[in-house]
Amino acid sequence: SFDQIIASVLPVIQSKLPVLFGLAIIENA
């Protein structure tokens, strides 16, 4: 599942990439 992938992979990515922040842009209909 996507949740399983995130749980195992995201910590590894964040330990290797200097990700300061993300900008979420949400559109309406």
mmCIF file of all heavy atoms, coordinates in Angstrom:
data_MODEL
# 
_entry.id   MODEL 
# 
loop_
_atom_site.group_PDB 
_atom_site.id 
_atom_site.type_symbol 
_atom_site.label_atom_id 
_atom_site.label_alt_id 
_atom_site.label_comp_id 
_atom_site.label_asym_id 
_atom_site.label_entity_id 
_atom_site.label_seq_id 
_atom_site.pdbx_PDB_ins_code 
_atom_site.Cartn_x 
_atom_site.Cartn_y 
_atom_site.Cartn_z 
_atom_site.occupancy 
_atom_site.B_iso_or_equiv 
_atom_site.pdbx_formal_charge 
_atom_site.auth_seq_id 
_atom_site.auth_comp_id 
_atom_site.auth_asym_id 
_atom_site.auth_atom_id 
_atom_site.pdbx_PDB_model_num 
ATOM 1   N N   . SER A 1 1  ? 0.845   -1.193 0.000   1.00 0.00 ? 1  SER A N   1 
ATOM 2   C CA  . SER A 1 1  ? 0.000   0.000  0.000   1.00 0.00 ? 1  SER A CA  1 
ATOM 3   C C   . SER A 1 1  ? 0.882   1.246  0.000   1.00 0.00 ? 1  SER A C   1 
ATOM 4   O O   . SER A 1 1  ? 2.054   1.198  0.372   1.00 0.00 ? 1  SER A O   1 
ATOM 5   C CB  . SER A 1 1  ? -0.909  0.010  1.233   1.00 0.00 ? 1  SER A CB  1 
ATOM 6   O OG  . SER A 1 1  ? -0.142  0.271  2.412   1.00 0.00 ? 1  SER A OG  1 
ATOM 7   N N   . PHE A 1 2  ? 0.291   2.371  -0.421  1.00 0.00 ? 2  PHE A N   1 
ATOM 8   C CA  . PHE A 1 2  ? 1.052   3.618  -0.439  1.00 0.00 ? 2  PHE A CA  1 
ATOM 9   C C   . PHE A 1 2  ? 1.516   3.990  0.970   1.00 0.00 ? 2  PHE A C   1 
ATOM 10  O O   . PHE A 1 2  ? 2.619   4.490  1.157   1.00 0.00 ? 2  PHE A O   1 
ATOM 11  C CB  . PHE A 1 2  ? 0.191   4.733  -1.039  1.00 0.00 ? 2  PHE A CB  1 
ATOM 12  C CG  . PHE A 1 2  ? 0.962   5.975  -1.384  1.00 0.00 ? 2  PHE A CG  1 
ATOM 13  C CD1 . PHE A 1 2  ? 2.034   5.922  -2.262  1.00 0.00 ? 2  PHE A CD1 1 
ATOM 14  C CD2 . PHE A 1 2  ? 0.616   7.203  -0.840  1.00 0.00 ? 2  PHE A CD2 1 
ATOM 15  C CE1 . PHE A 1 2  ? 2.760   7.063  -2.584  1.00 0.00 ? 2  PHE A CE1 1 
ATOM 16  C CE2 . PHE A 1 2  ? 1.332   8.351  -1.154  1.00 0.00 ? 2  PHE A CE2 1 
ATOM 17  C CZ  . PHE A 1 2  ? 2.403   8.279  -2.030  1.00 0.00 ? 2  PHE A CZ  1 
ATOM 18  N N   . ASP A 1 3  ? 0.676   3.720  1.970   1.00 0.00 ? 3  ASP A N   1 
ATOM 19  C CA  . ASP A 1 3  ? 1.046   4.017  3.362   1.00 0.00 ? 3  ASP A CA  1 
ATOM 20  C C   . ASP A 1 3  ? 2.256   3.194  3.800   1.00 0.00 ? 3  ASP A C   1 
ATOM 21  O O   . ASP A 1 3  ? 3.133   3.688  4.519   1.00 0.00 ? 3  ASP A O   1 
ATOM 22  C CB  . ASP A 1 3  ? -0.137  3.743  4.296   1.00 0.00 ? 3  ASP A CB  1 
ATOM 23  C CG  . ASP A 1 3  ? -1.241  4.782  4.164   1.00 0.00 ? 3  ASP A CG  1 
ATOM 24  O OD1 . ASP A 1 3  ? -0.972  5.859  3.598   1.00 0.00 ? 3  ASP A OD1 1 
ATOM 25  O OD2 . ASP A 1 3  ? -2.368  4.519  4.622   1.00 0.00 ? 3  ASP A OD2 1 
ATOM 26  N N   . GLN A 1 4  ? 2.299   1.931  3.383   1.00 0.00 ? 4  GLN A N   1 
ATOM 27  C CA  . GLN A 1 4  ? 3.445   1.082  3.730   1.00 0.00 ? 4  GLN A CA  1 
ATOM 28  C C   . GLN A 1 4  ? 4.722   1.599  3.075   1.00 0.00 ? 4  GLN A C   1 
ATOM 29  O O   . GLN A 1 4  ? 5.790   1.612  3.704   1.00 0.00 ? 4  GLN A O   1 
ATOM 30  C CB  . GLN A 1 4  ? 3.181   -0.360 3.282   1.00 0.00 ? 4  GLN A CB  1 
ATOM 31  C CG  . GLN A 1 4  ? 2.149   -1.106 4.110   1.00 0.00 ? 4  GLN A CG  1 
ATOM 32  C CD  . GLN A 1 4  ? 1.883   -2.499 3.566   1.00 0.00 ? 4  GLN A CD  1 
ATOM 33  O OE1 . GLN A 1 4  ? 1.631   -2.665 2.370   1.00 0.00 ? 4  GLN A OE1 1 
ATOM 34  N NE2 . GLN A 1 4  ? 1.945   -3.500 4.429   1.00 0.00 ? 4  GLN A NE2 1 
ATOM 35  N N   . ILE A 1 5  ? 4.604   2.018  1.833   1.00 0.00 ? 5  ILE A N   1 
ATOM 36  C CA  . ILE A 1 5  ? 5.775   2.536  1.116   1.00 0.00 ? 5  ILE A CA  1 
ATOM 37  C C   . ILE A 1 5  ? 6.281   3.808  1.780   1.00 0.00 ? 5  ILE A C   1 
ATOM 38  O O   . ILE A 1 5  ? 7.481   3.988  1.992   1.00 0.00 ? 5  ILE A O   1 
ATOM 39  C CB  . ILE A 1 5  ? 5.420   2.798  -0.364  1.00 0.00 ? 5  ILE A CB  1 
ATOM 40  C CG1 . ILE A 1 5  ? 5.064   1.480  -1.055  1.00 0.00 ? 5  ILE A CG1 1 
ATOM 41  C CG2 . ILE A 1 5  ? 6.591   3.471  -1.084  1.00 0.00 ? 5  ILE A CG2 1 
ATOM 42  C CD1 . ILE A 1 5  ? 4.536   1.649  -2.460  1.00 0.00 ? 5  ILE A CD1 1 
ATOM 43  N N   . ILE A 1 6  ? 5.358   4.698  2.116   1.00 0.00 ? 6  ILE A N   1 
ATOM 44  C CA  . ILE A 1 6  ? 5.736   5.956  2.766   1.00 0.00 ? 6  ILE A CA  1 
ATOM 45  C C   . ILE A 1 6  ? 6.474   5.690  4.078   1.00 0.00 ? 6  ILE A C   1 
ATOM 46  O O   . ILE A 1 6  ? 7.517   6.279  4.365   1.00 0.00 ? 6  ILE A O   1 
ATOM 47  C CB  . ILE A 1 6  ? 4.497   6.827  3.027   1.00 0.00 ? 6  ILE A CB  1 
ATOM 48  C CG1 . ILE A 1 6  ? 3.929   7.353  1.707   1.00 0.00 ? 6  ILE A CG1 1 
ATOM 49  C CG2 . ILE A 1 6  ? 4.839   8.001  3.956   1.00 0.00 ? 6  ILE A CG2 1 
ATOM 50  C CD1 . ILE A 1 6  ? 2.609   8.083  1.865   1.00 0.00 ? 6  ILE A CD1 1 
ATOM 51  N N   . ALA A 1 7  ? 5.900   4.801  4.886   1.00 0.00 ? 7  ALA A N   1 
ATOM 52  C CA  . ALA A 1 7  ? 6.476   4.524  6.209   1.00 0.00 ? 7  ALA A CA  1 
ATOM 53  C C   . ALA A 1 7  ? 7.909   4.012  6.116   1.00 0.00 ? 7  ALA A C   1 
ATOM 54  O O   . ALA A 1 7  ? 8.751   4.335  6.968   1.00 0.00 ? 7  ALA A O   1 
ATOM 55  C CB  . ALA A 1 7  ? 5.603   3.517  6.956   1.00 0.00 ? 7  ALA A CB  1 
ATOM 56  N N   . SER A 1 8  ? 8.208   3.230  5.083   1.00 0.00 ? 8  SER A N   1 
ATOM 57  C CA  . SER A 1 8  ? 9.546   2.653  4.981   1.00 0.00 ? 8  SER A CA  1 
ATOM 58  C C   . SER A 1 8  ? 10.525  3.530  4.193   1.00 0.00 ? 8  SER A C   1 
ATOM 59  O O   . SER A 1 8  ? 11.726  3.518  4.468   1.00 0.00 ? 8  SER A O   1 
ATOM 60  C CB  . SER A 1 8  ? 9.461   1.270  4.312   1.00 0.00 ? 8  SER A CB  1 
ATOM 61  O OG  . SER A 1 8  ? 8.936   1.374  3.006   1.00 0.00 ? 8  SER A OG  1 
ATOM 62  N N   . VAL A 1 9  ? 10.013  4.304  3.230   1.00 0.00 ? 9  VAL A N   1 
ATOM 63  C CA  . VAL A 1 9  ? 10.897  5.027  2.321   1.00 0.00 ? 9  VAL A CA  1 
ATOM 64  C C   . VAL A 1 9  ? 11.094  6.488  2.697   1.00 0.00 ? 9  VAL A C   1 
ATOM 65  O O   . VAL A 1 9  ? 12.212  7.024  2.577   1.00 0.00 ? 9  VAL A O   1 
ATOM 66  C CB  . VAL A 1 9  ? 10.363  4.930  0.867   1.00 0.00 ? 9  VAL A CB  1 
ATOM 67  C CG1 . VAL A 1 9  ? 11.205  5.771  -0.072  1.00 0.00 ? 9  VAL A CG1 1 
ATOM 68  C CG2 . VAL A 1 9  ? 10.336  3.486  0.411   1.00 0.00 ? 9  VAL A CG2 1 
ATOM 69  N N   . LEU A 1 10 ? 10.032  7.155  3.154   1.00 0.00 ? 10 LEU A N   1 
ATOM 70  C CA  . LEU A 1 10 ? 10.132  8.587  3.429   1.00 0.00 ? 10 LEU A CA  1 
ATOM 71  C C   . LEU A 1 10 ? 11.259  8.946  4.392   1.00 0.00 ? 10 LEU A C   1 
ATOM 72  O O   . LEU A 1 10 ? 12.004  9.905  4.131   1.00 0.00 ? 10 LEU A O   1 
ATOM 73  C CB  . LEU A 1 10 ? 8.795   9.130  3.941   1.00 0.00 ? 10 LEU A CB  1 
ATOM 74  C CG  . LEU A 1 10 ? 8.737   10.637 4.154   1.00 0.00 ? 10 LEU A CG  1 
ATOM 75  C CD1 . LEU A 1 10 ? 8.972   11.392 2.850   1.00 0.00 ? 10 LEU A CD1 1 
ATOM 76  C CD2 . LEU A 1 10 ? 7.390   11.056 4.756   1.00 0.00 ? 10 LEU A CD2 1 
ATOM 77  N N   . PRO A 1 11 ? 11.439  8.224  5.515   1.00 0.00 ? 11 PRO A N   1 
ATOM 78  C CA  . PRO A 1 11 ? 12.550  8.567  6.415   1.00 0.00 ? 11 PRO A CA  1 
ATOM 79  C C   . PRO A 1 11 ? 13.916  8.494  5.731   1.00 0.00 ? 11 PRO A C   1 
ATOM 80  O O   . PRO A 1 11 ? 14.807  9.302  6.021   1.00 0.00 ? 11 PRO A O   1 
ATOM 81  C CB  . PRO A 1 11 ? 12.430  7.514  7.531   1.00 0.00 ? 11 PRO A CB  1 
ATOM 82  C CG  . PRO A 1 11 ? 10.995  7.101  7.509   1.00 0.00 ? 11 PRO A CG  1 
ATOM 83  C CD  . PRO A 1 11 ? 10.611  7.126  6.063   1.00 0.00 ? 11 PRO A CD  1 
ATOM 84  N N   . VAL A 1 12 ? 14.079  7.536  4.817   1.00 0.00 ? 12 VAL A N   1 
ATOM 85  C CA  . VAL A 1 12 ? 15.358  7.395  4.109   1.00 0.00 ? 12 VAL A CA  1 
ATOM 86  C C   . VAL A 1 12 ? 15.578  8.592  3.190   1.00 0.00 ? 12 VAL A C   1 
ATOM 87  O O   . VAL A 1 12 ? 16.673  9.176  3.148   1.00 0.00 ? 12 VAL A O   1 
ATOM 88  C CB  . VAL A 1 12 ? 15.378  6.086  3.285   1.00 0.00 ? 12 VAL A CB  1 
ATOM 89  C CG1 . VAL A 1 12 ? 16.677  5.983  2.491   1.00 0.00 ? 12 VAL A CG1 1 
ATOM 90  C CG2 . VAL A 1 12 ? 15.208  4.881  4.194   1.00 0.00 ? 12 VAL A CG2 1 
ATOM 91  N N   . ILE A 1 13 ? 14.539  8.981  2.453   1.00 0.00 ? 13 ILE A N   1 
ATOM 92  C CA  . ILE A 1 13 ? 14.653  10.129 1.548   1.00 0.00 ? 13 ILE A CA  1 
ATOM 93  C C   . ILE A 1 13 ? 14.981  11.396 2.329   1.00 0.00 ? 13 ILE A C   1 
ATOM 94  O O   . ILE A 1 13 ? 15.877  12.162 1.960   1.00 0.00 ? 13 ILE A O   1 
ATOM 95  C CB  . ILE A 1 13 ? 13.336  10.326 0.756   1.00 0.00 ? 13 ILE A CB  1 
ATOM 96  C CG1 . ILE A 1 13 ? 13.113  9.150  -0.193  1.00 0.00 ? 13 ILE A CG1 1 
ATOM 97  C CG2 . ILE A 1 13 ? 13.369  11.637 -0.028  1.00 0.00 ? 13 ILE A CG2 1 
ATOM 98  C CD1 . ILE A 1 13 ? 11.811  9.212  -0.953  1.00 0.00 ? 13 ILE A CD1 1 
ATOM 99  N N   . GLN A 1 14 ? 14.266  11.609 3.425   1.00 0.00 ? 14 GLN A N   1 
ATOM 100 C CA  . GLN A 1 14 ? 14.471  12.833 4.202   1.00 0.00 ? 14 GLN A CA  1 
ATOM 101 C C   . GLN A 1 14 ? 15.832  12.867 4.883   1.00 0.00 ? 14 GLN A C   1 
ATOM 102 O O   . GLN A 1 14 ? 16.353  13.946 5.174   1.00 0.00 ? 14 GLN A O   1 
ATOM 103 C CB  . GLN A 1 14 ? 13.346  12.989 5.228   1.00 0.00 ? 14 GLN A CB  1 
ATOM 104 C CG  . GLN A 1 14 ? 12.001  13.297 4.572   1.00 0.00 ? 14 GLN A CG  1 
ATOM 105 C CD  . GLN A 1 14 ? 10.888  13.466 5.587   1.00 0.00 ? 14 GLN A CD  1 
ATOM 106 O OE1 . GLN A 1 14 ? 10.789  12.722 6.556   1.00 0.00 ? 14 GLN A OE1 1 
ATOM 107 N NE2 . GLN A 1 14 ? 10.029  14.448 5.363   1.00 0.00 ? 14 GLN A NE2 1 
ATOM 108 N N   . SER A 1 15 ? 16.423  11.707 5.108   1.00 0.00 ? 15 SER A N   1 
ATOM 109 C CA  . SER A 1 15 ? 17.763  11.675 5.717   1.00 0.00 ? 15 SER A CA  1 
ATOM 110 C C   . SER A 1 15 ? 18.849  12.003 4.695   1.00 0.00 ? 15 SER A C   1 
ATOM 111 O O   . SER A 1 15 ? 19.961  12.348 5.054   1.00 0.00 ? 15 SER A O   1 
ATOM 112 C CB  . SER A 1 15 ? 18.032  10.291 6.330   1.00 0.00 ? 15 SER A CB  1 
ATOM 113 O OG  . SER A 1 15 ? 18.193  9.312  5.320   1.00 0.00 ? 15 SER A OG  1 
ATOM 114 N N   . LYS A 1 16 ? 18.515  11.907 3.410   1.00 0.00 ? 16 LYS A N   1 
ATOM 115 C CA  . LYS A 1 16 ? 19.509  12.113 2.364   1.00 0.00 ? 16 LYS A CA  1 
ATOM 116 C C   . LYS A 1 16 ? 19.297  13.390 1.562   1.00 0.00 ? 16 LYS A C   1 
ATOM 117 O O   . LYS A 1 16 ? 20.215  13.861 0.891   1.00 0.00 ? 16 LYS A O   1 
ATOM 118 C CB  . LYS A 1 16 ? 19.515  10.910 1.413   1.00 0.00 ? 16 LYS A CB  1 
ATOM 119 C CG  . LYS A 1 16 ? 19.953  9.603  2.075   1.00 0.00 ? 16 LYS A CG  1 
ATOM 120 C CD  . LYS A 1 16 ? 19.938  8.450  1.089   1.00 0.00 ? 16 LYS A CD  1 
ATOM 121 C CE  . LYS A 1 16 ? 20.418  7.165  1.753   1.00 0.00 ? 16 LYS A CE  1 
ATOM 122 N NZ  . LYS A 1 16 ? 21.840  7.230  2.143   1.00 0.00 ? 16 LYS A NZ  1 
ATOM 123 N N   . LEU A 1 17 ? 18.090  13.964 1.624   1.00 0.00 ? 17 LEU A N   1 
ATOM 124 C CA  . LEU A 1 17 ? 17.796  15.182 0.873   1.00 0.00 ? 17 LEU A CA  1 
ATOM 125 C C   . LEU A 1 17 ? 17.506  16.343 1.817   1.00 0.00 ? 17 LEU A C   1 
ATOM 126 O O   . LEU A 1 17 ? 16.774  16.183 2.794   1.00 0.00 ? 17 LEU A O   1 
ATOM 127 C CB  . LEU A 1 17 ? 16.578  14.970 -0.045  1.00 0.00 ? 17 LEU A CB  1 
ATOM 128 C CG  . LEU A 1 17 ? 16.729  13.989 -1.210  1.00 0.00 ? 17 LEU A CG  1 
ATOM 129 C CD1 . LEU A 1 17 ? 15.404  13.876 -1.956  1.00 0.00 ? 17 LEU A CD1 1 
ATOM 130 C CD2 . LEU A 1 17 ? 17.825  14.441 -2.154  1.00 0.00 ? 17 LEU A CD2 1 
ATOM 131 N N   . PRO A 1 18 ? 18.050  17.531 1.539   1.00 0.00 ? 18 PRO A N   1 
ATOM 132 C CA  . PRO A 1 18 ? 17.802  18.702 2.400   1.00 0.00 ? 18 PRO A CA  1 
ATOM 133 C C   . PRO A 1 18 ? 16.459  19.361 2.067   1.00 0.00 ? 18 PRO A C   1 
ATOM 134 O O   . PRO A 1 18 ? 16.398  20.434 1.462   1.00 0.00 ? 18 PRO A O   1 
ATOM 135 C CB  . PRO A 1 18 ? 18.982  19.619 2.060   1.00 0.00 ? 18 PRO A CB  1 
ATOM 136 C CG  . PRO A 1 18 ? 19.274  19.302 0.623   1.00 0.00 ? 18 PRO A CG  1 
ATOM 137 C CD  . PRO A 1 18 ? 19.008  17.823 0.460   1.00 0.00 ? 18 PRO A CD  1 
ATOM 138 N N   . VAL A 1 19 ? 15.378  18.697 2.457   1.00 0.00 ? 19 VAL A N   1 
ATOM 139 C CA  . VAL A 1 19 ? 14.038  19.216 2.161   1.00 0.00 ? 19 VAL A CA  1 
ATOM 140 C C   . VAL A 1 19 ? 13.614  20.151 3.298   1.00 0.00 ? 19 VAL A C   1 
ATOM 141 O O   . VAL A 1 19 ? 13.271  19.699 4.395   1.00 0.00 ? 19 VAL A O   1 
ATOM 142 C CB  . VAL A 1 19 ? 13.021  18.072 2.001   1.00 0.00 ? 19 VAL A CB  1 
ATOM 143 C CG1 . VAL A 1 19 ? 11.642  18.638 1.657   1.00 0.00 ? 19 VAL A CG1 1 
ATOM 144 C CG2 . VAL A 1 19 ? 13.475  17.101 0.919   1.00 0.00 ? 19 VAL A CG2 1 
ATOM 145 N N   . LEU A 1 20 ? 13.638  21.447 3.044   1.00 0.00 ? 20 LEU A N   1 
ATOM 146 C CA  . LEU A 1 20 ? 13.288  22.412 4.078   1.00 0.00 ? 20 LEU A CA  1 
ATOM 147 C C   . LEU A 1 20 ? 11.787  22.498 4.293   1.00 0.00 ? 20 LEU A C   1 
ATOM 148 O O   . LEU A 1 20 ? 11.304  22.509 5.416   1.00 0.00 ? 20 LEU A O   1 
ATOM 149 C CB  . LEU A 1 20 ? 13.840  23.797 3.711   1.00 0.00 ? 20 LEU A CB  1 
ATOM 150 C CG  . LEU A 1 20 ? 15.351  23.911 3.559   1.00 0.00 ? 20 LEU A CG  1 
ATOM 151 C CD1 . LEU A 1 20 ? 15.739  25.344 3.213   1.00 0.00 ? 20 LEU A CD1 1 
ATOM 152 C CD2 . LEU A 1 20 ? 16.044  23.461 4.841   1.00 0.00 ? 20 LEU A CD2 1 
ATOM 153 N N   . PHE A 1 21 ? 11.037  22.568 3.179   1.00 0.00 ? 21 PHE A N   1 
ATOM 154 C CA  . PHE A 1 21 ? 9.579   22.685 3.304   1.00 0.00 ? 21 PHE A CA  1 
ATOM 155 C C   . PHE A 1 21 ? 8.927   22.353 1.961   1.00 0.00 ? 21 PHE A C   1 
ATOM 156 O O   . PHE A 1 21 ? 9.595   22.228 0.935   1.00 0.00 ? 21 PHE A O   1 
ATOM 157 C CB  . PHE A 1 21 ? 9.174   24.093 3.740   1.00 0.00 ? 21 PHE A CB  1 
ATOM 158 C CG  . PHE A 1 21 ? 9.468   25.158 2.708   1.00 0.00 ? 21 PHE A CG  1 
ATOM 159 C CD1 . PHE A 1 21 ? 8.504   25.541 1.769   1.00 0.00 ? 21 PHE A CD1 1 
ATOM 160 C CD2 . PHE A 1 21 ? 10.707  25.785 2.666   1.00 0.00 ? 21 PHE A CD2 1 
ATOM 161 C CE1 . PHE A 1 21 ? 8.788   26.505 0.824   1.00 0.00 ? 21 PHE A CE1 1 
ATOM 162 C CE2 . PHE A 1 21 ? 10.995  26.755 1.712   1.00 0.00 ? 21 PHE A CE2 1 
ATOM 163 C CZ  . PHE A 1 21 ? 10.030  27.124 0.787   1.00 0.00 ? 21 PHE A CZ  1 
ATOM 164 N N   . GLY A 1 22 ? 7.624   22.197 2.007   1.00 0.00 ? 22 GLY A N   1 
ATOM 165 C CA  . GLY A 1 22 ? 6.843   22.013 0.788   1.00 0.00 ? 22 GLY A CA  1 
ATOM 166 C C   . GLY A 1 22 ? 5.746   23.062 0.766   1.00 0.00 ? 22 GLY A C   1 
ATOM 167 O O   . GLY A 1 22 ? 5.313   23.546 1.816   1.00 0.00 ? 22 GLY A O   1 
ATOM 168 N N   . LEU A 1 23 ? 5.323   23.445 -0.423  1.00 0.00 ? 23 LEU A N   1 
ATOM 169 C CA  . LEU A 1 23 ? 4.264   24.442 -0.562  1.00 0.00 ? 23 LEU A CA  1 
ATOM 170 C C   . LEU A 1 23 ? 3.028   23.757 -1.141  1.00 0.00 ? 23 LEU A C   1 
ATOM 171 O O   . LEU A 1 23 ? 3.027   23.338 -2.302  1.00 0.00 ? 23 LEU A O   1 
ATOM 172 C CB  . LEU A 1 23 ? 4.713   25.578 -1.479  1.00 0.00 ? 23 LEU A CB  1 
ATOM 173 C CG  . LEU A 1 23 ? 3.828   26.832 -1.468  1.00 0.00 ? 23 LEU A CG  1 
ATOM 174 C CD1 . LEU A 1 23 ? 3.830   27.484 -0.095  1.00 0.00 ? 23 LEU A CD1 1 
ATOM 175 C CD2 . LEU A 1 23 ? 4.313   27.824 -2.521  1.00 0.00 ? 23 LEU A CD2 1 
ATOM 176 N N   . ALA A 1 24 ? 1.997   23.627 -0.319  1.00 0.00 ? 24 ALA A N   1 
ATOM 177 C CA  . ALA A 1 24 ? 0.758   22.977 -0.755  1.00 0.00 ? 24 ALA A CA  1 
ATOM 178 C C   . ALA A 1 24 ? -0.169  24.019 -1.371  1.00 0.00 ? 24 ALA A C   1 
ATOM 179 O O   . ALA A 1 24 ? -0.475  25.034 -0.751  1.00 0.00 ? 24 ALA A O   1 
ATOM 180 C CB  . ALA A 1 24 ? 0.068   22.317 0.431   1.00 0.00 ? 24 ALA A CB  1 
ATOM 181 N N   . ILE A 1 25 ? -0.594  23.766 -2.604  1.00 0.00 ? 25 ILE A N   1 
ATOM 182 C CA  . ILE A 1 25 ? -1.521  24.663 -3.298  1.00 0.00 ? 25 ILE A CA  1 
ATOM 183 C C   . ILE A 1 25 ? -2.779  23.863 -3.625  1.00 0.00 ? 25 ILE A C   1 
ATOM 184 O O   . ILE A 1 25 ? -2.736  22.918 -4.411  1.00 0.00 ? 25 ILE A O   1 
ATOM 185 C CB  . ILE A 1 25 ? -0.906  25.227 -4.590  1.00 0.00 ? 25 ILE A CB  1 
ATOM 186 C CG1 . ILE A 1 25 ? 0.425   25.922 -4.280  1.00 0.00 ? 25 ILE A CG1 1 
ATOM 187 C CG2 . ILE A 1 25 ? -1.874  26.191 -5.272  1.00 0.00 ? 25 ILE A CG2 1 
ATOM 188 C CD1 . ILE A 1 25 ? 1.181   26.363 -5.517  1.00 0.00 ? 25 ILE A CD1 1 
ATOM 189 N N   . ILE A 1 26 ? -3.878  24.240 -3.008  1.00 0.00 ? 26 ILE A N   1 
ATOM 190 C CA  . ILE A 1 26 ? -5.141  23.512 -3.183  1.00 0.00 ? 26 ILE A CA  1 
ATOM 191 C C   . ILE A 1 26 ? -6.099  24.344 -4.019  1.00 0.00 ? 26 ILE A C   1 
ATOM 192 O O   . ILE A 1 26 ? -6.322  25.521 -3.733  1.00 0.00 ? 26 ILE A O   1 
ATOM 193 C CB  . ILE A 1 26 ? -5.776  23.187 -1.814  1.00 0.00 ? 26 ILE A CB  1 
ATOM 194 C CG1 . ILE A 1 26 ? -4.834  22.289 -1.010  1.00 0.00 ? 26 ILE A CG1 1 
ATOM 195 C CG2 . ILE A 1 26 ? -7.139  22.516 -1.994  1.00 0.00 ? 26 ILE A CG2 1 
ATOM 196 C CD1 . ILE A 1 26 ? -5.318  21.997 0.392   1.00 0.00 ? 26 ILE A CD1 1 
ATOM 197 N N   . GLU A 1 27 ? -6.639  23.735 -5.071  1.00 0.00 ? 27 GLU A N   1 
ATOM 198 C CA  . GLU A 1 27 ? -7.596  24.415 -5.936  1.00 0.00 ? 27 GLU A CA  1 
ATOM 199 C C   . GLU A 1 27 ? -9.026  24.063 -5.538  1.00 0.00 ? 27 GLU A C   1 
ATOM 200 O O   . GLU A 1 27 ? -9.282  22.994 -4.984  1.00 0.00 ? 27 GLU A O   1 
ATOM 201 C CB  . GLU A 1 27 ? -7.371  24.005 -7.398  1.00 0.00 ? 27 GLU A CB  1 
ATOM 202 C CG  . GLU A 1 27 ? -6.056  24.463 -7.980  1.00 0.00 ? 27 GLU A CG  1 
ATOM 203 C CD  . GLU A 1 27 ? -5.922  24.079 -9.448  1.00 0.00 ? 27 GLU A CD  1 
ATOM 204 O OE1 . GLU A 1 27 ? -6.757  23.285 -9.929  1.00 0.00 ? 27 GLU A OE1 1 
ATOM 205 O OE2 . GLU A 1 27 ? -4.997  24.576 -10.111 1.00 0.00 ? 27 GLU A OE2 1 
ATOM 206 N N   . ASN A 1 28 ? -9.951  24.958 -5.898  1.00 0.00 ? 28 ASN A N   1 
ATOM 207 C CA  . ASN A 1 28 ? -11.363 24.646 -5.709  1.00 0.00 ? 28 ASN A CA  1 
ATOM 208 C C   . ASN A 1 28 ? -11.927 24.047 -6.993  1.00 0.00 ? 28 ASN A C   1 
ATOM 209 O O   . ASN A 1 28 ? -11.191 23.764 -7.940  1.00 0.00 ? 28 ASN A O   1 
ATOM 210 C CB  . ASN A 1 28 ? -12.146 25.890 -5.278  1.00 0.00 ? 28 ASN A CB  1 
ATOM 211 C CG  . ASN A 1 28 ? -12.102 27.004 -6.322  1.00 0.00 ? 28 ASN A CG  1 
ATOM 212 O OD1 . ASN A 1 28 ? -11.805 26.776 -7.492  1.00 0.00 ? 28 ASN A OD1 1 
ATOM 213 N ND2 . ASN A 1 28 ? -12.397 28.221 -5.887  1.00 0.00 ? 28 ASN A ND2 1 
ATOM 214 N N   . ALA A 1 29 ? -13.240 23.872 -7.049  1.00 0.00 ? 29 ALA A N   1 
ATOM 215 C CA  . ALA A 1 29 ? -13.880 23.224 -8.193  1.00 0.00 ? 29 ALA A CA  1 
ATOM 216 C C   . ALA A 1 29 ? -13.763 24.027 -9.483  1.00 0.00 ? 29 ALA A C   1 
ATOM 217 O O   . ALA A 1 29 ? -13.968 23.490 -10.571 1.00 0.00 ? 29 ALA A O   1 
ATOM 218 C CB  . ALA A 1 29 ? -15.352 22.962 -7.882  1.00 0.00 ? 29 ALA A CB  1 
# 
